[in-house]
N, C-alpha and C. Protein backbone atom coordinates (compact mmCIF):
# COMPACT_ATOMS: atom_id res chain seq x y z
N MET A 1 95.11 25.54 112.52
CA MET A 1 94.43 26.73 112.98
C MET A 1 93.41 26.32 114.04
N LYS A 2 93.45 27.02 115.15
CA LYS A 2 92.48 26.75 116.20
C LYS A 2 91.11 27.22 115.78
N LYS A 3 90.11 26.50 116.25
CA LYS A 3 88.72 26.79 115.89
C LYS A 3 88.36 28.25 116.18
N ASN A 4 88.75 28.78 117.34
CA ASN A 4 88.36 30.14 117.72
C ASN A 4 89.14 31.21 116.96
N ASN A 5 90.20 30.82 116.24
CA ASN A 5 90.96 31.78 115.44
C ASN A 5 90.52 31.82 113.99
N PHE A 6 89.72 30.86 113.56
CA PHE A 6 89.36 30.78 112.15
C PHE A 6 88.74 32.08 111.64
N LEU A 7 87.69 32.55 112.31
CA LEU A 7 87.00 33.75 111.84
C LEU A 7 87.88 34.99 111.94
N THR A 8 88.65 35.09 113.01
CA THR A 8 89.56 36.23 113.14
C THR A 8 90.53 36.27 111.97
N GLU A 9 91.15 35.14 111.67
CA GLU A 9 92.11 35.08 110.57
C GLU A 9 91.41 35.27 109.22
N TYR A 10 90.23 34.73 109.09
CA TYR A 10 89.46 34.89 107.85
C TYR A 10 89.21 36.36 107.56
N PHE A 11 88.74 37.09 108.56
CA PHE A 11 88.42 38.51 108.34
C PHE A 11 89.67 39.37 108.23
N ILE A 12 90.74 38.97 108.84
CA ILE A 12 92.02 39.68 108.63
C ILE A 12 92.44 39.53 107.18
N ASP A 13 92.36 38.31 106.66
CA ASP A 13 92.71 38.08 105.25
C ASP A 13 91.80 38.87 104.31
N LEU A 14 90.51 38.86 104.58
CA LEU A 14 89.57 39.60 103.74
C LEU A 14 89.84 41.11 103.82
N SER A 15 90.12 41.61 105.01
CA SER A 15 90.43 43.03 105.18
C SER A 15 91.70 43.41 104.42
N THR A 16 92.67 42.53 104.42
CA THR A 16 93.90 42.78 103.66
C THR A 16 93.60 42.91 102.18
N LEU A 17 92.74 42.05 101.66
CA LEU A 17 92.36 42.13 100.25
C LEU A 17 91.58 43.41 99.95
N LEU A 18 90.80 43.88 100.91
CA LEU A 18 90.03 45.11 100.71
C LEU A 18 90.90 46.35 100.73
N ASN A 19 92.09 46.23 101.22
CA ASN A 19 93.02 47.36 101.31
C ASN A 19 93.79 47.49 100.00
N PHE A 20 93.05 47.66 98.88
CA PHE A 20 93.68 47.67 97.58
C PHE A 20 94.24 49.05 97.25
N ASP A 21 95.06 49.09 96.20
CA ASP A 21 95.76 50.32 95.86
C ASP A 21 94.90 51.27 95.03
N LYS A 22 95.46 52.43 94.75
CA LYS A 22 94.72 53.49 94.05
C LYS A 22 94.35 53.11 92.62
N SER A 23 95.05 52.16 92.03
CA SER A 23 94.71 51.77 90.65
C SER A 23 93.32 51.13 90.61
N ILE A 24 92.94 50.41 91.64
CA ILE A 24 91.60 49.83 91.70
C ILE A 24 90.55 50.93 91.85
N ILE A 25 90.84 51.91 92.69
CA ILE A 25 89.91 53.03 92.86
C ILE A 25 89.71 53.73 91.52
N ARG A 26 90.79 53.94 90.77
CA ARG A 26 90.67 54.58 89.45
C ARG A 26 89.83 53.72 88.50
N LYS A 27 90.02 52.42 88.53
CA LYS A 27 89.23 51.53 87.67
C LYS A 27 87.76 51.54 88.07
N LEU A 28 87.49 51.63 89.36
CA LEU A 28 86.10 51.73 89.82
C LEU A 28 85.49 53.06 89.36
N GLU A 29 86.28 54.13 89.37
CA GLU A 29 85.81 55.41 88.83
C GLU A 29 85.48 55.27 87.34
N LEU A 30 86.34 54.57 86.60
CA LEU A 30 86.09 54.34 85.17
C LEU A 30 84.84 53.50 84.95
N LEU A 31 84.62 52.53 85.82
CA LEU A 31 83.40 51.72 85.74
C LEU A 31 82.17 52.60 85.95
N LYS A 32 82.22 53.45 86.97
CA LYS A 32 81.10 54.37 87.22
C LYS A 32 80.85 55.25 86.00
N GLU A 33 81.92 55.84 85.45
CA GLU A 33 81.78 56.70 84.27
C GLU A 33 81.19 55.91 83.09
N SER A 34 81.62 54.68 82.92
CA SER A 34 81.10 53.85 81.83
C SER A 34 79.61 53.58 82.00
N ILE A 35 79.20 53.32 83.23
CA ILE A 35 77.78 53.08 83.51
C ILE A 35 76.96 54.34 83.23
N LEU A 36 77.46 55.49 83.69
CA LEU A 36 76.73 56.74 83.46
C LEU A 36 76.68 57.10 81.98
N ASN A 37 77.76 56.84 81.25
CA ASN A 37 77.76 57.08 79.80
C ASN A 37 76.78 56.15 79.09
N THR A 38 76.67 54.93 79.58
CA THR A 38 75.71 53.98 79.01
C THR A 38 74.30 54.52 79.17
N ARG A 39 73.98 55.01 80.34
CA ARG A 39 72.65 55.60 80.57
C ARG A 39 72.44 56.83 79.70
N LYS A 40 73.45 57.67 79.60
CA LYS A 40 73.34 58.91 78.81
C LYS A 40 73.04 58.60 77.34
N LYS A 41 73.62 57.52 76.82
CA LYS A 41 73.40 57.13 75.42
C LYS A 41 72.06 56.43 75.22
N GLY A 42 71.37 56.11 76.30
CA GLY A 42 70.12 55.35 76.19
C GLY A 42 70.37 53.87 75.98
N SER A 43 71.57 53.43 76.29
CA SER A 43 71.93 52.02 76.14
C SER A 43 71.69 51.29 77.46
N LYS A 44 72.10 50.04 77.51
CA LYS A 44 71.86 49.23 78.70
C LYS A 44 73.13 48.47 79.09
N ILE A 45 73.09 47.93 80.29
CA ILE A 45 74.15 47.07 80.81
C ILE A 45 73.67 45.63 80.70
N LEU A 46 74.56 44.76 80.26
CA LEU A 46 74.34 43.31 80.34
C LEU A 46 75.42 42.76 81.26
N ILE A 47 75.05 41.90 82.18
CA ILE A 47 76.01 41.36 83.14
C ILE A 47 75.79 39.86 83.28
N PHE A 48 76.89 39.11 83.31
CA PHE A 48 76.83 37.65 83.37
C PHE A 48 77.87 37.12 84.35
N GLY A 49 77.56 35.97 84.92
CA GLY A 49 78.49 35.22 85.74
C GLY A 49 78.00 33.79 85.86
N ASN A 50 78.84 32.93 86.36
CA ASN A 50 78.49 31.53 86.63
C ASN A 50 78.43 31.32 88.14
N GLY A 51 77.51 30.49 88.60
CA GLY A 51 77.46 30.13 90.02
C GLY A 51 77.30 31.33 90.92
N GLY A 52 78.21 31.49 91.88
CA GLY A 52 78.17 32.63 92.80
C GLY A 52 78.26 33.95 92.07
N SER A 53 79.01 33.97 90.98
CA SER A 53 79.13 35.20 90.18
C SER A 53 77.80 35.55 89.51
N ALA A 54 77.01 34.54 89.17
CA ALA A 54 75.67 34.79 88.63
C ALA A 54 74.79 35.44 89.69
N ALA A 55 74.93 34.99 90.93
CA ALA A 55 74.16 35.59 92.03
C ALA A 55 74.57 37.05 92.22
N ILE A 56 75.85 37.34 92.10
CA ILE A 56 76.33 38.72 92.19
C ILE A 56 75.75 39.54 91.05
N ALA A 57 75.74 38.98 89.84
CA ALA A 57 75.15 39.67 88.69
C ALA A 57 73.68 39.98 88.93
N ASN A 58 72.95 39.02 89.49
CA ASN A 58 71.53 39.24 89.80
C ASN A 58 71.35 40.38 90.79
N HIS A 59 72.15 40.38 91.84
CA HIS A 59 72.04 41.40 92.88
C HIS A 59 72.35 42.78 92.30
N PHE A 60 73.44 42.88 91.54
CA PHE A 60 73.80 44.15 90.92
C PHE A 60 72.69 44.64 89.98
N THR A 61 72.16 43.73 89.17
CA THR A 61 71.10 44.09 88.22
C THR A 61 69.91 44.70 88.94
N LEU A 62 69.47 44.06 89.98
CA LEU A 62 68.33 44.57 90.75
C LEU A 62 68.63 45.94 91.33
N ASP A 63 69.77 46.07 92.02
CA ASP A 63 70.05 47.33 92.72
C ASP A 63 70.33 48.48 91.77
N ILE A 64 71.09 48.26 90.70
CA ILE A 64 71.41 49.36 89.79
C ILE A 64 70.16 49.84 89.07
N THR A 65 69.28 48.92 88.70
CA THR A 65 68.05 49.29 88.00
C THR A 65 67.07 49.98 88.95
N LYS A 66 66.86 49.38 90.10
CA LYS A 66 65.86 49.88 91.05
C LYS A 66 66.25 51.23 91.65
N THR A 67 67.52 51.41 91.98
CA THR A 67 67.90 52.61 92.73
C THR A 67 68.46 53.74 91.88
N THR A 68 68.88 53.45 90.65
CA THR A 68 69.47 54.51 89.82
C THR A 68 68.76 54.69 88.49
N ASN A 69 67.78 53.84 88.21
CA ASN A 69 67.02 53.91 86.96
C ASN A 69 67.92 53.72 85.74
N ILE A 70 68.95 52.91 85.89
CA ILE A 70 69.82 52.54 84.77
C ILE A 70 69.40 51.15 84.32
N ARG A 71 69.13 51.00 83.03
CA ARG A 71 68.69 49.71 82.52
C ARG A 71 69.83 48.70 82.59
N CYS A 72 69.55 47.60 83.24
CA CYS A 72 70.54 46.52 83.37
C CYS A 72 69.80 45.20 83.31
N ILE A 73 70.33 44.29 82.52
CA ILE A 73 69.73 42.96 82.45
C ILE A 73 70.81 41.90 82.62
N ASN A 74 70.39 40.80 83.19
CA ASN A 74 71.23 39.60 83.17
C ASN A 74 70.32 38.47 82.72
N LEU A 75 70.90 37.55 82.06
CA LEU A 75 70.11 36.46 81.50
C LEU A 75 70.47 35.15 82.18
N ASN A 76 70.82 35.24 83.46
CA ASN A 76 71.14 34.06 84.25
C ASN A 76 69.85 33.40 84.71
N GLU A 77 69.01 33.08 83.78
CA GLU A 77 67.70 32.51 84.04
C GLU A 77 67.68 31.12 83.42
N SER A 78 67.18 30.16 84.14
CA SER A 78 67.36 28.76 83.76
C SER A 78 66.84 28.42 82.37
N SER A 79 65.71 28.98 81.95
CA SER A 79 65.19 28.60 80.63
C SER A 79 66.08 29.13 79.50
N ILE A 80 66.63 30.32 79.66
CA ILE A 80 67.55 30.84 78.64
C ILE A 80 68.84 30.04 78.64
N ILE A 81 69.40 29.82 79.82
CA ILE A 81 70.66 29.07 79.90
C ILE A 81 70.49 27.68 79.31
N THR A 82 69.45 26.97 79.73
CA THR A 82 69.31 25.58 79.26
C THR A 82 68.96 25.51 77.78
N ALA A 83 68.17 26.44 77.28
CA ALA A 83 67.84 26.42 75.85
C ALA A 83 69.07 26.71 75.00
N PHE A 84 69.80 27.78 75.35
CA PHE A 84 70.98 28.13 74.57
C PHE A 84 72.09 27.09 74.75
N ALA A 85 72.25 26.57 75.96
CA ALA A 85 73.27 25.54 76.19
C ALA A 85 72.94 24.27 75.42
N ASN A 86 71.68 23.90 75.40
CA ASN A 86 71.25 22.72 74.66
C ASN A 86 71.46 22.90 73.15
N ASP A 87 71.13 24.07 72.64
CA ASP A 87 71.20 24.30 71.20
C ASP A 87 72.60 24.65 70.70
N PHE A 88 73.39 25.35 71.53
CA PHE A 88 74.68 25.87 71.06
C PHE A 88 75.88 25.39 71.88
N GLY A 89 75.65 24.67 72.96
CA GLY A 89 76.72 24.24 73.86
C GLY A 89 76.87 25.21 75.02
N TYR A 90 77.18 24.66 76.19
CA TYR A 90 77.26 25.50 77.38
C TYR A 90 78.28 26.62 77.22
N GLU A 91 79.38 26.32 76.56
CA GLU A 91 80.43 27.34 76.42
C GLU A 91 80.00 28.50 75.51
N ASN A 92 78.87 28.35 74.82
CA ASN A 92 78.41 29.40 73.89
C ASN A 92 77.14 30.13 74.35
N TRP A 93 76.53 29.74 75.46
CA TRP A 93 75.23 30.32 75.80
C TRP A 93 75.32 31.82 76.09
N VAL A 94 76.41 32.28 76.69
CA VAL A 94 76.53 33.71 76.99
C VAL A 94 76.73 34.50 75.70
N ALA A 95 77.60 34.01 74.82
CA ALA A 95 77.82 34.68 73.54
C ALA A 95 76.51 34.77 72.74
N LYS A 96 75.74 33.69 72.75
CA LYS A 96 74.45 33.71 72.04
C LYS A 96 73.48 34.70 72.68
N SER A 97 73.50 34.80 73.99
CA SER A 97 72.66 35.78 74.67
C SER A 97 73.04 37.20 74.24
N ILE A 98 74.34 37.44 74.15
CA ILE A 98 74.81 38.76 73.71
C ILE A 98 74.37 39.01 72.26
N LYS A 99 74.50 37.98 71.43
CA LYS A 99 74.09 38.12 70.03
C LYS A 99 72.63 38.56 69.93
N TYR A 100 71.76 37.94 70.71
CA TYR A 100 70.33 38.19 70.58
C TYR A 100 69.82 39.37 71.41
N TYR A 101 70.50 39.73 72.49
CA TYR A 101 69.96 40.74 73.39
C TYR A 101 70.76 42.03 73.47
N ALA A 102 72.01 42.03 73.03
CA ALA A 102 72.84 43.24 73.13
C ALA A 102 72.72 44.09 71.88
N ASP A 103 72.90 45.37 72.08
CA ASP A 103 72.92 46.34 70.99
C ASP A 103 74.26 47.08 71.02
N ASN A 104 74.65 47.60 69.87
CA ASN A 104 75.85 48.42 69.84
C ASN A 104 75.70 49.56 70.84
N GLY A 105 76.77 49.86 71.57
CA GLY A 105 76.73 50.91 72.57
C GLY A 105 76.40 50.42 73.97
N ASP A 106 76.00 49.17 74.10
CA ASP A 106 75.73 48.61 75.43
C ASP A 106 77.04 48.41 76.19
N LEU A 107 76.91 48.20 77.48
CA LEU A 107 78.04 47.91 78.35
C LEU A 107 77.91 46.47 78.82
N LEU A 108 78.97 45.70 78.67
CA LEU A 108 78.96 44.29 79.06
C LEU A 108 79.89 44.09 80.25
N ILE A 109 79.37 43.47 81.31
CA ILE A 109 80.17 43.13 82.49
C ILE A 109 80.18 41.62 82.61
N LEU A 110 81.39 41.05 82.62
CA LEU A 110 81.55 39.60 82.77
C LEU A 110 82.31 39.33 84.06
N ILE A 111 81.76 38.45 84.88
CA ILE A 111 82.35 38.11 86.17
C ILE A 111 82.78 36.65 86.14
N SER A 112 84.05 36.41 86.45
CA SER A 112 84.57 35.04 86.53
C SER A 112 85.68 35.03 87.57
N SER A 113 85.48 34.30 88.64
CA SER A 113 86.50 34.28 89.70
C SER A 113 87.86 33.89 89.15
N SER A 114 87.91 32.85 88.35
CA SER A 114 89.19 32.37 87.81
C SER A 114 89.63 33.16 86.59
N GLY A 115 88.68 33.76 85.89
CA GLY A 115 89.01 34.43 84.64
C GLY A 115 89.21 33.46 83.49
N ASN A 116 88.90 32.20 83.73
CA ASN A 116 89.12 31.17 82.71
C ASN A 116 87.86 30.40 82.34
N SER A 117 86.70 30.91 82.70
CA SER A 117 85.44 30.25 82.33
C SER A 117 85.25 30.36 80.82
N LYS A 118 85.15 29.21 80.17
CA LYS A 118 85.09 29.19 78.70
C LYS A 118 83.92 30.00 78.16
N ASN A 119 82.77 29.92 78.82
CA ASN A 119 81.62 30.67 78.30
C ASN A 119 81.82 32.18 78.41
N MET A 120 82.53 32.64 79.42
CA MET A 120 82.80 34.07 79.56
C MET A 120 83.84 34.53 78.54
N ILE A 121 84.85 33.71 78.32
CA ILE A 121 85.88 34.05 77.34
C ILE A 121 85.29 34.12 75.94
N LYS A 122 84.48 33.13 75.59
CA LYS A 122 83.83 33.14 74.27
C LYS A 122 82.90 34.34 74.13
N ALA A 123 82.21 34.69 75.19
CA ALA A 123 81.32 35.85 75.16
C ALA A 123 82.12 37.13 74.94
N ALA A 124 83.24 37.25 75.64
CA ALA A 124 84.09 38.44 75.50
C ALA A 124 84.60 38.56 74.07
N LYS A 125 85.07 37.46 73.52
CA LYS A 125 85.58 37.47 72.14
C LYS A 125 84.48 37.82 71.15
N PHE A 126 83.30 37.24 71.35
CA PHE A 126 82.18 37.55 70.47
C PHE A 126 81.84 39.04 70.54
N ALA A 127 81.74 39.56 71.75
CA ALA A 127 81.38 40.97 71.93
C ALA A 127 82.42 41.89 71.29
N LYS A 128 83.69 41.56 71.45
CA LYS A 128 84.75 42.39 70.90
C LYS A 128 84.75 42.36 69.37
N ASN A 129 84.41 41.22 68.80
CA ASN A 129 84.47 41.05 67.34
C ASN A 129 83.18 41.38 66.62
N SER A 130 82.05 41.35 67.31
CA SER A 130 80.76 41.45 66.62
C SER A 130 79.92 42.66 67.01
N LYS A 131 80.20 43.24 68.14
CA LYS A 131 79.37 44.34 68.63
C LYS A 131 80.27 45.49 69.07
N LYS A 132 79.74 46.69 69.02
CA LYS A 132 80.46 47.84 69.56
C LYS A 132 80.03 47.99 71.01
N ILE A 133 80.66 47.19 71.84
CA ILE A 133 80.30 47.09 73.25
C ILE A 133 81.56 47.27 74.08
N LYS A 134 81.45 48.06 75.13
CA LYS A 134 82.56 48.19 76.08
C LYS A 134 82.50 47.01 77.04
N LEU A 135 83.65 46.42 77.32
CA LEU A 135 83.71 45.21 78.15
C LEU A 135 84.44 45.48 79.46
N ILE A 136 83.75 45.18 80.56
CA ILE A 136 84.31 45.25 81.90
C ILE A 136 84.46 43.82 82.40
N THR A 137 85.62 43.48 82.96
CA THR A 137 85.80 42.15 83.54
C THR A 137 86.09 42.26 85.03
N LEU A 138 85.56 41.32 85.78
CA LEU A 138 85.88 41.16 87.19
C LEU A 138 86.39 39.75 87.37
N THR A 139 87.66 39.63 87.77
CA THR A 139 88.29 38.32 87.89
C THR A 139 89.15 38.27 89.15
N GLY A 140 89.73 37.09 89.37
CA GLY A 140 90.69 36.86 90.44
C GLY A 140 91.70 35.83 89.97
N PHE A 141 92.26 35.12 90.92
CA PHE A 141 93.22 34.05 90.66
C PHE A 141 94.45 34.60 89.93
N ASN A 142 94.76 34.10 88.77
CA ASN A 142 95.96 34.48 88.03
C ASN A 142 95.79 35.87 87.40
N GLN A 143 96.76 36.73 87.63
CA GLN A 143 96.67 38.10 87.10
C GLN A 143 96.64 38.13 85.57
N LYS A 144 97.19 37.11 84.94
CA LYS A 144 97.22 37.06 83.48
C LYS A 144 96.15 36.12 82.94
N ASN A 145 95.02 36.04 83.62
CA ASN A 145 93.95 35.14 83.18
C ASN A 145 93.39 35.57 81.82
N SER A 146 92.78 34.64 81.14
CA SER A 146 92.32 34.84 79.76
C SER A 146 91.26 35.93 79.63
N LEU A 147 90.32 36.00 80.56
CA LEU A 147 89.25 36.99 80.45
C LEU A 147 89.79 38.40 80.65
N LYS A 148 90.69 38.56 81.60
CA LYS A 148 91.26 39.88 81.90
C LYS A 148 91.95 40.46 80.68
N LYS A 149 92.55 39.63 79.87
CA LYS A 149 93.26 40.09 78.67
C LYS A 149 92.32 40.71 77.64
N LEU A 150 91.03 40.43 77.74
CA LEU A 150 90.07 40.86 76.72
C LEU A 150 89.29 42.12 77.09
N GLY A 151 89.33 42.53 78.34
CA GLY A 151 88.49 43.63 78.80
C GLY A 151 89.04 45.00 78.48
N ASP A 152 88.13 45.98 78.44
CA ASP A 152 88.52 47.38 78.32
C ASP A 152 88.88 47.95 79.69
N ILE A 153 88.15 47.52 80.70
CA ILE A 153 88.44 47.85 82.10
C ILE A 153 88.43 46.52 82.84
N ASN A 154 89.49 46.26 83.59
CA ASN A 154 89.63 44.97 84.27
C ASN A 154 89.83 45.17 85.76
N LEU A 155 88.94 44.62 86.53
CA LEU A 155 89.05 44.64 87.99
C LEU A 155 89.47 43.25 88.43
N TRP A 156 90.65 43.16 88.99
CA TRP A 156 91.23 41.87 89.36
C TRP A 156 91.60 41.89 90.84
N ILE A 157 91.31 40.79 91.54
CA ILE A 157 91.68 40.66 92.95
C ILE A 157 92.69 39.53 93.10
N ASP A 158 93.72 39.79 93.86
CA ASP A 158 94.83 38.86 94.03
C ASP A 158 94.50 37.81 95.10
N SER A 159 93.67 36.86 94.72
CA SER A 159 93.31 35.76 95.61
C SER A 159 92.91 34.56 94.77
N LYS A 160 93.16 33.38 95.32
CA LYS A 160 92.74 32.14 94.67
C LYS A 160 91.59 31.48 95.44
N SER A 161 90.99 32.21 96.35
CA SER A 161 89.86 31.72 97.13
C SER A 161 88.57 32.23 96.50
N TYR A 162 87.73 31.29 96.06
CA TYR A 162 86.47 31.70 95.41
C TYR A 162 85.67 32.65 96.29
N ASN A 163 85.52 32.33 97.57
CA ASN A 163 84.69 33.17 98.42
C ASN A 163 85.28 34.56 98.60
N PHE A 164 86.59 34.67 98.75
CA PHE A 164 87.20 35.99 98.86
C PHE A 164 87.00 36.79 97.57
N VAL A 165 87.27 36.15 96.44
CA VAL A 165 87.12 36.83 95.14
C VAL A 165 85.68 37.29 94.95
N GLU A 166 84.73 36.40 95.19
CA GLU A 166 83.32 36.75 94.99
C GLU A 166 82.86 37.83 95.97
N ASN A 167 83.32 37.78 97.21
CA ASN A 167 82.96 38.83 98.16
C ASN A 167 83.48 40.19 97.70
N ILE A 168 84.71 40.24 97.23
CA ILE A 168 85.28 41.51 96.75
C ILE A 168 84.53 41.99 95.52
N HIS A 169 84.24 41.09 94.58
CA HIS A 169 83.49 41.49 93.39
C HIS A 169 82.15 42.11 93.78
N GLN A 170 81.46 41.50 94.71
CA GLN A 170 80.17 42.04 95.15
C GLN A 170 80.35 43.41 95.80
N ILE A 171 81.36 43.55 96.63
CA ILE A 171 81.62 44.85 97.28
C ILE A 171 81.89 45.91 96.22
N TRP A 172 82.73 45.59 95.24
CA TRP A 172 83.02 46.57 94.18
C TRP A 172 81.75 47.00 93.46
N LEU A 173 80.96 46.04 93.01
CA LEU A 173 79.78 46.39 92.22
C LEU A 173 78.74 47.15 93.03
N LEU A 174 78.49 46.71 94.26
CA LEU A 174 77.47 47.40 95.06
C LEU A 174 77.96 48.76 95.54
N SER A 175 79.27 48.93 95.70
CA SER A 175 79.78 50.26 96.05
C SER A 175 79.56 51.23 94.89
N ILE A 176 79.62 50.74 93.66
CA ILE A 176 79.35 51.59 92.50
C ILE A 176 77.88 51.99 92.47
N VAL A 177 77.00 51.09 92.83
CA VAL A 177 75.57 51.44 92.92
C VAL A 177 75.40 52.60 93.91
N ASP A 178 75.98 52.46 95.09
CA ASP A 178 75.86 53.53 96.10
C ASP A 178 76.51 54.82 95.62
N TYR A 179 77.65 54.70 94.95
CA TYR A 179 78.36 55.87 94.43
C TYR A 179 77.50 56.61 93.40
N ILE A 180 76.87 55.89 92.52
CA ILE A 180 76.00 56.52 91.52
C ILE A 180 74.79 57.15 92.19
N LYS A 181 74.24 56.48 93.20
CA LYS A 181 73.12 57.06 93.95
C LYS A 181 73.54 58.34 94.65
N GLY A 182 74.82 58.42 95.00
CA GLY A 182 75.33 59.60 95.67
C GLY A 182 75.27 59.53 97.17
N LYS A 183 74.97 58.35 97.70
CA LYS A 183 74.93 58.22 99.15
C LYS A 183 75.09 56.75 99.53
N ARG A 184 75.56 56.57 100.75
CA ARG A 184 75.60 55.22 101.29
C ARG A 184 74.22 54.91 101.85
N GLU A 185 73.81 53.67 101.70
CA GLU A 185 72.49 53.27 102.17
C GLU A 185 72.36 53.44 103.68
N TYR A 186 73.39 53.04 104.38
CA TYR A 186 73.39 53.12 105.84
C TYR A 186 74.75 53.62 106.28
N SER A 187 74.77 54.41 107.34
CA SER A 187 76.07 54.82 107.87
C SER A 187 76.69 53.62 108.57
N GLN A 188 77.97 53.69 108.77
CA GLN A 188 78.71 52.57 109.36
C GLN A 188 78.23 52.24 110.76
N ASN A 189 77.77 53.21 111.49
CA ASN A 189 77.43 53.00 112.90
C ASN A 189 75.95 52.78 113.16
N LYS A 190 75.14 52.63 112.14
CA LYS A 190 73.70 52.47 112.38
C LYS A 190 73.23 51.14 111.91
C-alpha cells in the first residue's frame, strides 16, 4: 500500500463497517429502551471494558450521566482493579465488582473487542447466575465469540481490527447518548 493511500483505504474500510444492516439499528433501539427502562426503575448502568474498551466505558459513563441524568458507573479505576485482581485474580475482578456494586434490576454493559476476555466472560456468567441484571455485550472478531453467547442484547462488528472494533463500539454508544438526549450535539456541517 502506498503511503498516500493508507488513510484513504483506512477510512473506506471504516465506512464500510459503519454501513451496517437494519438488525444493528434494531439492537441499538433495544439498547436505548433498556437504558430508559433502567432509569425508569431507578436502577443504574454498570459498564466495563479492558484497555481501549475501558476508555470507551469511561467516555460513555461521563456522557450518559452528565447529559441525560441516567446513573451510570464504571469501576475501571486502578485501586479497585488492583485490589480485586490481587485478592481474587485478574479474571475475577469484574465479577467481584458486580457482586459488590450491582443491584437486581441494573443494566450491565460489557465491552470486549475479541469477545473472549476471561474477566468479561466470568462477569457475564456471574451476572446471569447471581443477579437479575440485563446484559448488553459489544464485541467483534468471531461472530460466535464466548461473550456474545451470554448477552441479552449483543452488538457485534465484523472486524478483527482492534481499532476498527473499538471505533465502532464508541460510535454506537455515543450515538445512543445523543439519541436519548433527543438531538445531535453538532450538525454535520458545523
